Protein backbone atom coordinates (compact mmCIF):
# COMPACT_ATOMS: atom_id res chain seq x y z
CA MET A 1 15.36 11.16 9.88
CA PRO A 2 15.95 9.03 13.07
CA TYR A 3 18.81 6.77 13.53
CA LYS A 4 18.20 3.12 14.09
CA PRO A 5 19.21 0.85 15.80
CA ALA A 6 19.76 3.13 18.91
CA ASN A 7 22.98 3.30 20.65
CA LEU A 8 23.89 4.84 24.02
CA TYR A 9 27.47 6.07 24.64
CA ASP A 10 29.33 6.12 28.03
CA ALA A 11 31.86 8.75 27.88
CA ASP A 12 33.31 7.81 31.07
CA ARG A 13 34.11 3.88 30.08
CA LYS A 14 34.20 5.08 26.36
CA ILE A 15 31.67 2.24 25.70
CA TRP A 16 28.76 2.35 23.13
CA SER A 17 25.68 0.07 23.72
CA GLY A 18 22.76 -1.13 21.34
CA ASP A 19 19.29 -1.00 22.84
CA GLN A 20 18.14 -3.73 25.02
CA PHE A 21 17.47 -6.89 23.44
CA SER A 22 13.80 -8.21 23.60
CA ASN A 23 12.78 -11.89 23.52
CA TYR A 24 9.87 -12.67 21.35
CA PHE A 25 9.88 -16.23 22.34
CA ASP A 26 10.10 -18.08 25.88
CA SER A 27 13.60 -17.58 26.90
CA HIS A 28 13.75 -21.04 27.88
CA LEU A 29 13.41 -22.38 24.51
CA SER A 30 16.21 -23.54 22.17
CA ILE A 31 16.12 -22.50 18.60
CA GLY A 32 15.31 -26.16 17.63
CA GLU A 33 12.15 -26.20 19.98
CA ILE A 34 10.94 -22.66 18.38
CA ILE A 35 11.46 -23.90 14.90
CA PHE A 36 9.83 -27.35 15.65
CA GLU A 37 6.68 -25.51 17.10
CA GLU A 38 6.57 -22.92 14.34
CA MET A 39 6.78 -25.49 11.71
CA ARG A 40 3.60 -27.18 13.19
CA ARG A 41 1.68 -23.81 13.27
CA HIS A 42 1.91 -23.35 9.43
CA PRO A 43 1.88 -26.65 7.95
CA GLN A 44 0.34 -25.80 4.60
CA LEU A 45 2.60 -22.88 3.70
CA ILE A 46 5.60 -23.58 1.27
CA ALA A 47 8.93 -23.96 3.07
CA GLN A 48 11.26 -24.13 0.50
CA ILE A 49 11.86 -24.25 -3.34
CA SER A 50 14.79 -25.49 -5.05
CA ALA A 51 15.47 -23.45 -8.01
CA THR A 52 18.05 -26.24 -9.47
CA GLU A 53 16.38 -29.65 -8.52
CA ASN A 54 12.83 -28.31 -9.15
CA THR A 55 11.45 -29.55 -5.87
CA ILE A 56 8.89 -27.85 -3.47
CA LEU A 57 8.25 -28.70 0.22
CA THR A 58 5.59 -27.63 2.19
CA ARG A 59 6.35 -26.87 5.99
CA ALA A 60 4.61 -30.15 7.00
CA GLU A 61 6.74 -32.10 4.49
CA LEU A 62 10.11 -30.38 5.59
CA HIS A 63 8.84 -31.00 9.49
CA ALA A 64 8.22 -34.49 8.69
CA ASN A 65 11.51 -34.92 6.68
CA SER A 66 13.39 -33.20 9.79
CA MET A 67 11.91 -35.76 12.27
CA ARG A 68 12.79 -38.65 10.21
CA VAL A 69 16.52 -37.46 9.76
CA ALA A 70 16.43 -36.87 13.72
CA SER A 71 14.84 -40.32 14.19
CA TYR A 72 17.86 -41.80 12.18
CA MET A 73 20.30 -39.93 14.39
CA ARG A 74 18.40 -41.00 17.63
CA SER A 75 18.40 -44.74 16.22
CA LEU A 76 22.46 -44.44 16.05
CA GLY A 77 22.68 -43.46 19.63
CA LEU A 78 23.80 -39.98 19.05
CA LEU A 79 24.10 -38.02 22.24
CA GLN A 80 24.00 -34.17 22.53
CA SER A 81 27.57 -34.22 23.20
CA ASP A 82 28.32 -35.63 19.97
CA VAL A 83 28.94 -33.72 16.54
CA VAL A 84 27.36 -34.22 12.91
CA GLY A 85 29.33 -33.44 9.85
CA ILE A 86 28.13 -31.46 6.94
CA ILE A 87 30.04 -30.78 3.54
CA GLY A 88 27.25 -30.10 0.97
CA ARG A 89 25.52 -27.71 -1.11
CA ASN A 90 22.02 -26.41 -0.48
CA THR A 91 19.87 -29.68 -1.94
CA THR A 92 16.57 -30.32 -1.20
CA HIS A 93 17.18 -32.21 2.07
CA MET A 94 20.15 -30.24 3.54
CA LEU A 95 17.52 -28.27 5.50
CA ALA A 96 16.24 -31.12 7.23
CA VAL A 97 19.52 -32.20 8.33
CA ALA A 98 19.95 -28.98 9.88
CA TYR A 99 16.70 -28.90 11.50
CA ALA A 100 17.30 -32.50 12.86
CA CYS A 101 20.38 -31.48 14.35
CA PHE A 102 18.26 -28.42 16.19
CA PHE A 103 15.57 -31.04 17.24
CA ASN A 104 17.99 -33.45 18.95
CA GLY A 105 20.54 -30.71 20.34
CA ILE A 106 23.41 -31.90 18.46
CA ALA A 107 25.79 -29.39 17.09
CA PHE A 108 26.67 -29.76 13.33
CA HIS A 109 30.27 -28.84 12.02
CA SER A 110 29.81 -27.63 8.53
CA LEU A 111 32.79 -27.43 6.12
CA ASN A 112 33.24 -25.69 2.89
CA ILE A 113 32.92 -28.12 -0.15
CA THR A 114 36.26 -26.82 -1.57
CA TYR A 115 38.34 -27.90 1.26
CA ASP A 116 40.93 -30.45 0.24
CA GLN A 117 41.37 -33.91 1.76
CA LYS A 118 44.05 -32.78 4.00
CA THR A 119 42.23 -29.86 5.63
CA ILE A 120 39.08 -31.96 6.22
CA GLU A 121 41.03 -34.66 7.88
CA LYS A 122 42.61 -32.15 10.02
CA ILE A 123 39.50 -30.34 11.07
CA TYR A 124 37.32 -33.44 11.58
CA ASN A 125 40.12 -34.83 13.63
CA ILE A 126 39.06 -32.11 16.18
CA THR A 127 35.54 -32.46 16.49
CA LYS A 128 35.35 -36.24 15.40
CA PRO A 129 31.75 -36.35 13.82
CA LYS A 130 29.85 -39.65 14.24
CA VAL A 131 27.88 -39.22 10.84
CA ILE A 132 28.83 -36.83 8.06
CA PHE A 133 26.08 -35.70 5.30
CA CYS A 134 28.19 -34.51 2.24
CA ASP A 135 27.42 -34.67 -1.59
CA GLY A 136 28.37 -37.48 -3.49
CA ASP A 137 30.88 -35.14 -5.35
CA GLU A 138 32.84 -35.06 -2.16
CA PHE A 139 32.07 -38.76 -1.02
CA GLU A 140 35.55 -40.03 -1.90
CA LYS A 141 37.59 -37.23 -0.53
CA VAL A 142 35.40 -37.25 2.70
CA ARG A 143 35.87 -41.06 3.10
CA ALA A 144 39.47 -41.03 2.85
CA ALA A 145 39.79 -37.88 5.11
CA THR A 146 37.79 -39.89 7.84
CA SER A 147 39.47 -43.11 7.45
CA GLU A 148 40.46 -43.33 10.97
CA LEU A 149 37.25 -42.13 12.49
CA ASP A 150 34.37 -44.23 13.29
CA VAL A 151 31.81 -42.37 11.15
CA LYS A 152 28.85 -43.10 8.64
CA ILE A 153 28.80 -41.13 5.56
CA VAL A 154 25.42 -39.96 4.16
CA THR A 155 25.29 -38.79 0.51
CA MET A 156 22.77 -35.91 -0.40
CA ARG A 157 23.08 -35.95 -4.40
CA ASN A 158 25.00 -38.10 -6.87
CA HIS A 159 25.33 -40.98 -4.88
CA PRO A 160 28.07 -43.64 -5.18
CA SER A 161 27.00 -47.20 -5.28
CA ASP A 162 28.67 -47.74 -1.54
CA SER A 163 27.32 -44.70 0.06
CA ILE A 164 24.42 -44.53 2.55
CA ARG A 165 21.75 -42.42 0.60
CA ILE A 166 19.54 -39.66 2.04
CA ASP A 167 16.51 -41.39 0.71
CA GLU A 168 17.47 -44.37 3.00
CA VAL A 169 17.83 -42.04 5.95
CA LEU A 170 14.14 -40.49 5.01
CA ALA A 171 12.68 -43.82 5.11
CA THR A 172 13.49 -43.99 9.11
CA PRO A 173 9.87 -44.12 10.81
CA ILE A 174 9.34 -40.91 12.86
CA GLU A 175 9.93 -42.13 16.57
CA GLU A 176 6.61 -42.16 18.39
CA ASN A 177 5.39 -39.03 20.29
CA PHE A 178 8.48 -37.28 18.77
CA LYS A 179 9.50 -33.98 20.57
CA ALA A 180 12.25 -31.58 20.13
CA ALA A 181 14.76 -32.36 22.81
CA ARG A 182 15.56 -29.85 25.66
CA LEU A 183 19.31 -28.87 25.83
CA GLU A 184 21.22 -30.29 28.40
CA GLN A 185 23.18 -27.26 29.07
CA GLY A 186 20.26 -24.82 28.15
CA ASN A 187 20.85 -22.09 25.63
CA ASP A 188 24.53 -22.05 26.55
CA GLN A 189 24.87 -25.16 24.48
CA THR A 190 26.48 -25.01 21.12
CA LEU A 191 24.14 -24.81 18.09
CA ALA A 192 26.73 -25.32 15.39
CA ILE A 193 30.32 -25.32 14.43
CA LEU A 194 31.62 -23.24 11.60
CA CYS A 195 35.04 -22.59 10.37
CA SER A 196 37.06 -19.45 10.79
CA SER A 197 37.51 -17.34 7.62
CA GLY A 198 41.34 -17.04 8.18
CA THR A 199 43.43 -16.80 4.94
CA THR A 200 46.29 -18.98 6.45
CA GLY A 201 46.81 -22.18 8.20
CA ILE A 202 44.17 -24.75 9.13
CA PRO A 203 40.68 -23.01 9.77
CA LYS A 204 39.67 -23.21 13.42
CA ALA A 205 36.39 -24.65 14.70
CA VAL A 206 34.12 -21.93 15.65
CA THR A 207 31.38 -22.82 17.89
CA VAL A 208 28.01 -20.96 17.71
CA THR A 209 26.10 -20.56 20.78
CA ASN A 210 22.21 -21.48 20.87
CA SER A 211 21.27 -17.84 21.09
CA ARG A 212 18.45 -15.52 20.12
CA GLN A 213 20.96 -12.74 19.14
CA ILE A 214 21.36 -14.53 15.58
CA LEU A 215 17.60 -13.18 15.00
CA ALA A 216 18.25 -9.82 15.84
CA GLU A 217 17.01 -7.30 13.10
CA ASN A 218 15.02 -9.98 11.41
CA TYR A 219 11.97 -9.88 13.46
CA HIS A 220 10.34 -7.97 10.51
CA LEU A 221 10.12 -11.37 8.66
CA THR A 222 6.89 -12.71 8.25
CA THR A 223 4.90 -15.57 6.25
CA ALA A 224 4.70 -13.53 3.14
CA ASP A 225 8.50 -13.29 2.95
CA VAL A 226 10.74 -15.12 0.28
CA GLN A 227 14.34 -15.50 1.44
CA TYR A 228 17.21 -16.32 -0.87
CA SER A 229 20.89 -16.67 0.08
CA HIS A 230 23.34 -18.67 -2.01
CA ASN A 231 25.46 -19.32 0.89
CA THR A 232 25.73 -22.63 2.37
CA LEU A 233 25.86 -23.83 5.91
CA ASP A 234 29.45 -23.35 6.40
CA TRP A 235 28.80 -19.45 6.17
CA ILE A 236 27.43 -17.59 9.40
CA THR A 237 24.89 -15.92 6.50
CA GLY A 238 24.02 -19.67 5.64
CA LEU A 239 23.16 -20.45 9.13
CA LEU A 240 21.20 -17.34 9.71
CA THR A 241 18.95 -17.89 6.72
CA THR A 242 18.43 -21.53 7.82
CA ILE A 243 17.33 -20.16 11.16
CA THR A 244 15.16 -17.39 10.23
CA SER A 245 13.46 -19.36 7.51
CA GLY A 246 12.33 -21.70 9.98
CA VAL A 247 11.60 -19.28 12.96
CA PHE A 248 9.54 -16.84 11.09
CA SER A 249 7.97 -19.34 8.60
CA THR A 250 9.08 -17.77 5.52
CA THR A 251 9.62 -19.56 1.98
CA ARG A 252 13.12 -20.17 1.23
CA ILE A 253 14.67 -20.56 -2.26
CA ILE A 254 17.79 -22.59 -2.38
CA ALA A 255 20.01 -23.87 -5.35
CA ASP A 256 22.78 -26.27 -5.40
CA ASN A 257 24.70 -24.84 -8.26
CA PRO A 258 27.93 -22.57 -7.96
CA PHE A 259 27.01 -18.98 -7.63
CA ASP A 260 25.86 -17.50 -11.16
CA PRO A 261 25.04 -13.90 -11.45
CA ALA A 262 22.48 -14.29 -14.18
CA PHE A 263 20.93 -17.17 -12.44
CA ALA A 264 20.92 -15.19 -9.18
CA LEU A 265 18.96 -12.35 -11.09
CA ARG A 266 16.53 -14.71 -12.32
CA VAL A 267 15.91 -16.33 -9.10
CA ILE A 268 15.09 -12.91 -7.37
CA LYS A 269 12.72 -12.09 -10.44
CA GLU A 270 11.07 -15.40 -10.74
CA TYR A 271 10.45 -16.10 -7.17
CA LYS A 272 9.36 -12.40 -6.34
CA VAL A 273 12.20 -12.53 -3.56
CA THR A 274 11.81 -10.03 -0.52
CA TRP A 275 14.96 -10.64 1.56
CA VAL A 276 18.43 -11.28 0.16
CA ILE A 277 22.01 -11.57 1.85
CA GLN A 278 24.99 -11.63 -0.24
CA PRO A 279 28.82 -11.16 0.12
CA PRO A 280 30.03 -8.03 -1.82
CA SER A 281 31.57 -10.52 -4.60
CA ALA A 282 28.35 -11.61 -5.62
CA MET A 283 26.95 -7.98 -5.79
CA ALA A 284 29.86 -7.33 -8.24
CA LEU A 285 29.61 -10.29 -10.25
CA MET A 286 25.82 -9.39 -10.83
CA ILE A 287 26.60 -5.82 -11.61
CA ASN A 288 29.00 -7.21 -14.16
CA SER A 289 26.30 -9.41 -15.65
CA PRO A 290 24.87 -8.16 -18.93
CA GLU A 291 21.53 -9.02 -17.54
CA PHE A 292 22.02 -6.68 -14.60
CA GLU A 293 20.39 -3.57 -16.55
CA THR A 294 17.26 -5.34 -17.25
CA SER A 295 16.92 -6.96 -13.88
CA ASP A 296 14.03 -6.73 -11.67
CA PHE A 297 14.59 -6.12 -8.04
CA SER A 298 11.22 -4.62 -7.22
CA SER A 299 10.01 -7.40 -4.90
CA ILE A 300 13.02 -6.85 -2.47
CA ARG A 301 12.38 -5.14 0.83
CA CYS A 302 15.52 -6.27 2.63
CA TYR A 303 19.01 -6.58 0.91
CA MET A 304 21.71 -7.24 3.59
CA PHE A 305 25.41 -7.59 2.50
CA GLY A 306 28.74 -8.25 4.37
CA GLY A 307 31.75 -10.15 5.01
CA SER A 308 33.77 -7.75 3.36
CA ARG A 309 33.84 -4.12 1.85
CA ALA A 310 31.77 -3.06 -1.14
CA SER A 311 32.74 0.12 -2.82
CA ILE A 312 30.32 2.77 -2.83
CA GLU A 313 29.98 2.49 -6.62
CA VAL A 314 28.95 -1.34 -6.36
CA GLN A 315 26.40 -0.14 -3.52
CA GLN A 316 24.77 2.43 -5.82
CA SER A 317 24.49 0.29 -8.67
CA ILE A 318 22.45 -2.25 -6.60
CA ARG A 319 20.43 0.56 -5.10
CA SER A 320 19.61 1.91 -8.43
CA ARG A 321 17.48 -1.40 -9.10
CA LEU A 322 15.73 -1.35 -5.99
CA SER A 323 12.33 0.17 -5.34
CA SER A 324 12.98 1.12 -1.83
CA ASP A 325 15.93 1.94 0.41
CA CYS A 326 16.57 -1.37 1.70
CA LEU A 327 20.32 -1.79 0.95
CA HIS A 328 21.99 -2.57 4.41
CA PHE A 329 25.72 -3.00 5.05
CA ALA A 330 26.07 -5.46 8.10
CA TYR A 331 29.28 -6.18 10.15
CA GLY A 332 29.94 -9.17 12.35
CA PHE A 333 32.19 -12.27 12.74
CA THR A 334 31.70 -16.03 13.02
CA GLU A 335 33.01 -16.09 16.61
CA LEU A 336 30.27 -13.67 17.57
CA GLY A 337 27.48 -15.76 16.06
CA ALA A 338 25.40 -12.82 14.82
CA MET A 339 25.63 -9.56 13.15
CA ALA A 340 27.07 -6.89 15.39
CA THR A 341 26.12 -3.42 13.55
CA ILE A 342 23.81 -2.70 10.47
CA ASN A 343 23.62 0.43 8.44
CA PHE A 344 20.03 1.66 7.65
CA HIS A 345 21.33 5.01 6.80
CA HIS A 346 23.48 4.78 3.41
CA ASP A 347 22.73 8.36 2.42
CA LEU A 348 23.57 9.83 5.68
CA LYS A 349 26.65 7.57 6.51
CA PRO A 350 28.00 6.20 3.28
CA GLY A 351 30.95 3.79 3.83
CA SER A 352 30.05 2.88 7.61
CA VAL A 353 28.76 -0.58 8.80
CA GLY A 354 26.27 1.27 10.83
CA ARG A 355 25.12 1.23 14.52
CA LEU A 356 25.20 -1.54 17.09
CA VAL A 357 22.20 -4.04 16.99
CA ASN A 358 20.24 -4.76 20.27
CA GLY A 359 22.01 -6.30 23.04
CA LEU A 360 25.38 -5.55 22.22
CA LYS A 361 28.11 -3.40 23.58
CA LEU A 362 31.49 -2.14 21.56
CA LYS A 363 34.75 -0.32 22.55
CA ILE A 364 37.71 0.73 20.50
CA ILE A 365 40.97 0.10 21.98
CA ASN A 366 44.59 0.98 21.36
CA ASP A 367 47.60 -1.28 21.39
CA LYS A 368 47.63 -0.82 25.08
CA GLY A 369 44.19 -1.98 25.65
CA GLU A 370 42.87 1.33 26.56
CA SER A 371 39.50 2.34 25.41
CA LEU A 372 39.26 5.43 22.83
CA GLY A 373 36.65 8.01 22.12
CA PRO A 374 34.85 8.78 18.91
CA ASP A 375 36.90 9.01 15.65
CA GLU A 376 39.95 7.34 17.17
CA VAL A 377 41.05 4.38 15.30
CA GLY A 378 41.84 1.21 17.25
CA GLU A 379 40.66 -2.45 17.44
CA VAL A 380 37.09 -3.21 17.33
CA CYS A 381 35.96 -5.09 20.60
CA VAL A 382 32.62 -6.29 21.03
CA GLN A 383 30.52 -8.02 24.02
CA ASN A 384 27.24 -9.72 23.97
CA ASN A 385 27.40 -11.12 27.60
CA GLN A 386 26.77 -14.64 26.66
CA PHE A 387 28.38 -17.98 27.04
CA TRP A 388 30.85 -19.05 24.30
CA SER A 389 32.40 -22.42 24.06
CA GLY A 390 35.24 -20.83 21.84
CA TYR A 391 37.05 -22.78 19.11
CA TYR A 392 36.44 -26.54 19.73
CA GLY A 393 39.40 -28.03 21.42
CA ASN A 394 41.50 -24.79 21.31
CA GLU A 395 41.67 -22.97 24.41
CA ALA A 396 44.69 -21.27 23.77
CA GLU A 397 43.42 -19.54 20.65
CA THR A 398 39.94 -18.96 22.45
CA ARG A 399 41.71 -16.82 25.05
CA GLN A 400 43.38 -14.79 22.29
CA ILE A 401 40.11 -13.81 20.81
CA ARG A 402 38.03 -13.35 24.00
CA ASP A 403 39.04 -12.06 27.16
CA SER A 404 38.31 -12.77 30.62
CA GLU A 405 35.58 -9.89 30.60
CA ARG A 406 33.96 -11.44 27.56
CA TRP A 407 35.15 -8.99 24.98
CA TYR A 408 35.63 -10.31 21.57
CA HIS A 409 38.64 -8.86 20.03
CA SER A 410 37.93 -8.74 16.34
CA GLY A 411 41.07 -7.86 14.74
CA ASP A 412 39.45 -5.17 12.75
CA LEU A 413 40.62 -1.67 12.96
CA GLY A 414 38.02 0.91 13.22
CA CYS A 415 36.48 3.83 14.84
CA MET A 416 33.14 5.11 15.99
CA ASP A 417 31.83 8.68 14.79
CA GLN A 418 30.19 11.16 17.17
CA ASP A 419 26.87 9.73 16.19
CA GLY A 420 27.77 6.06 17.14
CA PHE A 421 28.38 4.90 13.47
CA LEU A 422 31.10 2.32 12.86
CA TYR A 423 33.59 2.44 10.31
CA ILE A 424 35.96 -0.37 9.61
CA VAL A 425 39.57 0.67 8.36
CA ASP A 426 41.23 -2.60 7.69
CA ARG A 427 42.33 -5.67 9.38
CA LYS A 428 44.98 -5.23 12.16
CA LYS A 429 47.33 -7.75 10.71
CA GLU A 430 47.35 -6.24 7.36
CA MET A 431 48.74 -2.60 8.15
CA LEU A 432 51.54 -1.90 5.84
CA LYS A 433 54.60 0.15 6.46
CA TYR A 434 56.49 2.33 3.96
CA GLN A 435 59.56 3.84 5.01
CA ASN A 436 58.42 3.52 8.67
CA ILE A 437 55.17 5.10 7.94
CA MET A 438 52.09 2.93 8.87
CA TYR A 439 49.29 2.86 6.44
CA TYR A 440 46.24 0.46 5.40
CA PRO A 441 45.34 -1.05 2.16
CA ASN A 442 41.97 0.08 2.43
CA ASP A 443 43.18 3.74 2.33
CA ILE A 444 44.20 3.01 -1.32
CA GLU A 445 41.27 0.76 -2.39
CA GLY A 446 38.96 3.30 -1.49
CA VAL A 447 40.46 5.60 -3.98
CA ILE A 448 40.63 3.04 -6.68
CA SER A 449 37.06 2.36 -5.85
CA GLU A 450 36.30 5.77 -7.05
CA MET A 451 36.97 5.07 -10.56
CA PRO A 452 33.73 4.51 -12.49
CA GLU A 453 35.26 1.59 -14.47
CA VAL A 454 36.52 -0.22 -11.50
CA LEU A 455 34.45 -2.97 -10.27
CA GLU A 456 36.59 -4.68 -7.22
CA VAL A 457 40.09 -4.31 -6.00
CA CYS A 458 42.16 -5.71 -3.70
CA VAL A 459 45.49 -3.79 -2.49
CA PHE A 460 48.49 -5.69 -0.79
CA GLY A 461 51.91 -4.77 0.15
CA ILE A 462 55.12 -5.98 -1.98
CA SER A 463 58.20 -6.06 -0.04
CA SER A 464 61.25 -3.90 -0.91
CA ASP A 465 64.51 -3.80 0.77
CA ILE A 466 64.70 -0.09 0.47
CA TYR A 467 61.18 1.11 1.21
CA GLY A 468 59.42 -1.56 3.02
CA ASP A 469 55.82 -2.35 1.87
CA GLU A 470 55.19 -1.21 -1.55
CA ALA A 471 51.46 -0.95 -2.25
CA ALA A 472 50.11 -2.91 -5.41
CA ALA A 473 46.77 -3.60 -6.72
CA ALA A 474 44.97 -6.36 -8.31
CA VAL A 475 41.73 -4.82 -10.04
CA VAL A 476 38.36 -6.12 -11.47
CA LYS A 477 37.12 -3.79 -14.59
CA LYS A 478 33.58 -3.41 -15.26
CA LEU A 479 32.02 -5.35 -18.26
CA GLY A 480 32.95 -3.58 -21.57
CA SER A 481 35.47 -1.47 -19.89
CA ASN A 482 39.01 -0.44 -21.64
CA LEU A 483 40.64 0.09 -18.24
CA LYS A 484 44.30 -0.50 -18.24
CA ALA A 485 46.55 -0.80 -15.19
CA GLN A 486 48.44 2.07 -15.87
CA ASP A 487 45.19 4.15 -15.69
CA VAL A 488 44.59 3.09 -12.24
CA ILE A 489 48.50 3.89 -11.17
CA ASP A 490 48.06 7.27 -12.72
CA TYR A 491 44.66 7.94 -11.12
CA VAL A 492 45.91 7.14 -7.59
CA SER A 493 49.12 9.29 -8.11
CA SER A 494 46.59 12.16 -9.18
CA ARG A 495 44.64 11.60 -5.94
CA THR A 496 47.53 12.10 -3.47
CA ASP A 497 50.68 13.52 -2.62
CA SER A 498 51.67 11.11 -0.15
CA LYS A 499 54.59 8.84 -1.68
CA TYR A 500 53.53 5.96 0.42
CA LYS A 501 49.85 5.86 -0.48
CA GLN A 502 50.65 5.39 -4.25
CA LEU A 503 50.95 2.24 -6.43
CA ASN A 504 54.49 1.94 -5.71
CA GLY A 505 54.39 -1.61 -6.46
CA GLY A 506 52.41 -1.69 -9.64
CA ALA A 507 48.97 -3.00 -10.61
CA ILE A 508 47.30 -5.60 -12.79
CA ILE A 509 43.85 -6.18 -14.43
CA VAL A 510 42.16 -9.56 -13.34
CA GLU A 511 39.02 -11.19 -14.34
CA ASP A 512 38.10 -12.00 -10.76
CA LEU A 513 39.87 -11.52 -7.31
CA LYS A 514 41.33 -14.47 -5.70
CA ARG A 515 39.02 -15.51 -2.72
CA SER A 516 38.85 -17.62 0.35
CA ALA A 517 36.66 -20.92 0.64
CA ASN A 518 34.11 -18.40 2.06
CA GLY A 519 34.06 -15.93 -0.53
CA LYS A 520 36.02 -13.31 1.34
CA THR A 521 38.94 -11.57 -0.77
CA ASN A 522 42.19 -13.20 0.00
CA ARG A 523 45.03 -10.44 0.21
CA MET A 524 47.56 -13.21 0.19
CA ALA A 525 46.50 -15.07 -2.64
CA ASN A 526 45.93 -11.96 -4.71
CA LYS A 527 49.60 -10.95 -3.94
CA ALA A 528 51.07 -14.16 -4.83
CA TYR A 529 49.06 -14.17 -8.42
CA PHE A 530 50.25 -10.65 -8.88
CA LEU A 531 53.75 -11.91 -8.14
CA GLU A 532 53.39 -14.64 -10.39
CA VAL A 533 52.13 -12.35 -13.27
CA LYS A 534 54.95 -10.14 -12.94
CA LYS A 535 57.53 -12.98 -12.84
CA ARG A 536 56.24 -14.07 -16.23
CA SER A 537 56.20 -10.67 -18.04
C-alpha cells in the first residue's frame, strides 16, 4: 500500500519535504475572490443548514447576505488595514460576516466566547477592531471590555435593545457592481487573526496569511459533500471549514449550541455528513455517549481530528463505526495557518500524526539548533516559505517562534521515523524531571490509555522536595465502568520497572478533563484540580 502524501528526505541537511504544492486556482486570486466567484457558479445549491436555528440558505442567499454585510462595512469607511472583531457561536449569519471580511480584504479577529471581560479588553486593545460581531449573550461583557475603543457592536442572536442587530446590517443595500476587493498586499496580506492556544497568560493574536496552504489535502471536496464541524471561528479548524465550504461549494451543517455528543451523532446521521473535523475531546465524549453504539457513520468519507492526542482506544472505537478507512490524525498549529501532517495509514503507523502535506518542509532539532536524523527526538520545526505577519503587535514573540530562515519552532517534541512519519512526543516545556531523569507526561499517558476502561487521561508533575516531579493523573473512565484510581496506579506499576515512570503522585477519577477555551487538555488546570481534590480528602 503506497504512502501518501509523499515525503522526500535530504540526508545531508536532515530535512524532510512534502510534495510540490499545486495551485488549482489563479495564484493571484485571494481566498475572498475565489469564494466570491465559486458562490456565483452554484447559486441554487444549499450552502448552509443550521441544525439549531432551523434555517437553510442557498449559495445565492448566502452570497447576497455576505455582500450586504460587506457593503455595511464599506459604508462605515473600513479600510483593508482595519480589523473586524468576532465573538460568537455558529449562528445563521456568522458565515456571511466571515465572507464579508474576505470579500473586503479585512482581517477579522475572532475570540472565544468563554473569554472573560479582562481578557477581551487586553486582546482587543492590541488589534483595536472598528466593529465587533458578537452574540447578545456576550454583549454587555464585550461592551464593557471595549468601552475605551471607538467600536460598533452588532449582535448575532438574543439581541439587547440597545445593540445593532444583524438584521439591520442585512438591510444594507448591496453596493452597485459589487466585486470582491483585490488585496493591497497581495496574498501576503493577513486573512484572519486567531488566538494562541497557550494555557497561561493572555493569548497572543496570531495572524493567518491569505494563503492556499489552508486548502491542502481538501481538494477532494465537491458539491456533493456535507461538512460538519462544531468549532467556531476562533479555532483554526473553524476557519478551515468556513473556507473550504466556500471554495468547494459544499453544504455546511452548523449549530449554535454547546457541543453535545448525542446531538452531534444525530447531526451526522440526519444530514448524511461526509466530512467531519473534531478535537479528540469531542470524539471521547461521543464514545462515552449511550447513543454511540447505535450511531450511523455510514455517510462519512473523511473524518479528521487533531489539536491534541487521541488514544488508540478512542481512535479504534470511532473507526469501528465508519464504513471506510477514513479516520485521519492531523497535526498543525495556528501560527502555521494550516495542517502540517496527516496520517492516512492508521493500521501501518498507529500513533503517528502522519507525513508532510504538500508544500512544507520539516526538521527535528536539538537544544543546540542542530538537525537530527530519523528516530531522534527533538523540537519539531516546519517551514512553508510564505510570508507571515507574526503575532499582531508583538515582534518579540514573533521572533521566538519563527527564525530568520522562516522555520516555525513549534515547541513540540517529536521524531520522524525511517518512512517519514512524524510522532509527537510531548510539549517541550512540559518535560518533567524525577531525580534528575527527564521524562514526558505522554510516556505515562500512553500506558494508561491502553486500559480498556479508560476514555481520556491527563498526566502532570507534582512537585516533591526529594524527588522533583512526581507523575500524577486525572482519568476519565468509560460509561458504566467501575474503574478506581488505585486500578490505574497499579496498572502503570505493572507495566514498567522504572521508578520515575510510575504514578508516584497518585491518580483521581474525574467526569471530564479541564480544558482551555479551544478545547485542548489543560495540564495546569488539571493539576490544580488534582491538588484541590487531594487537599479536601
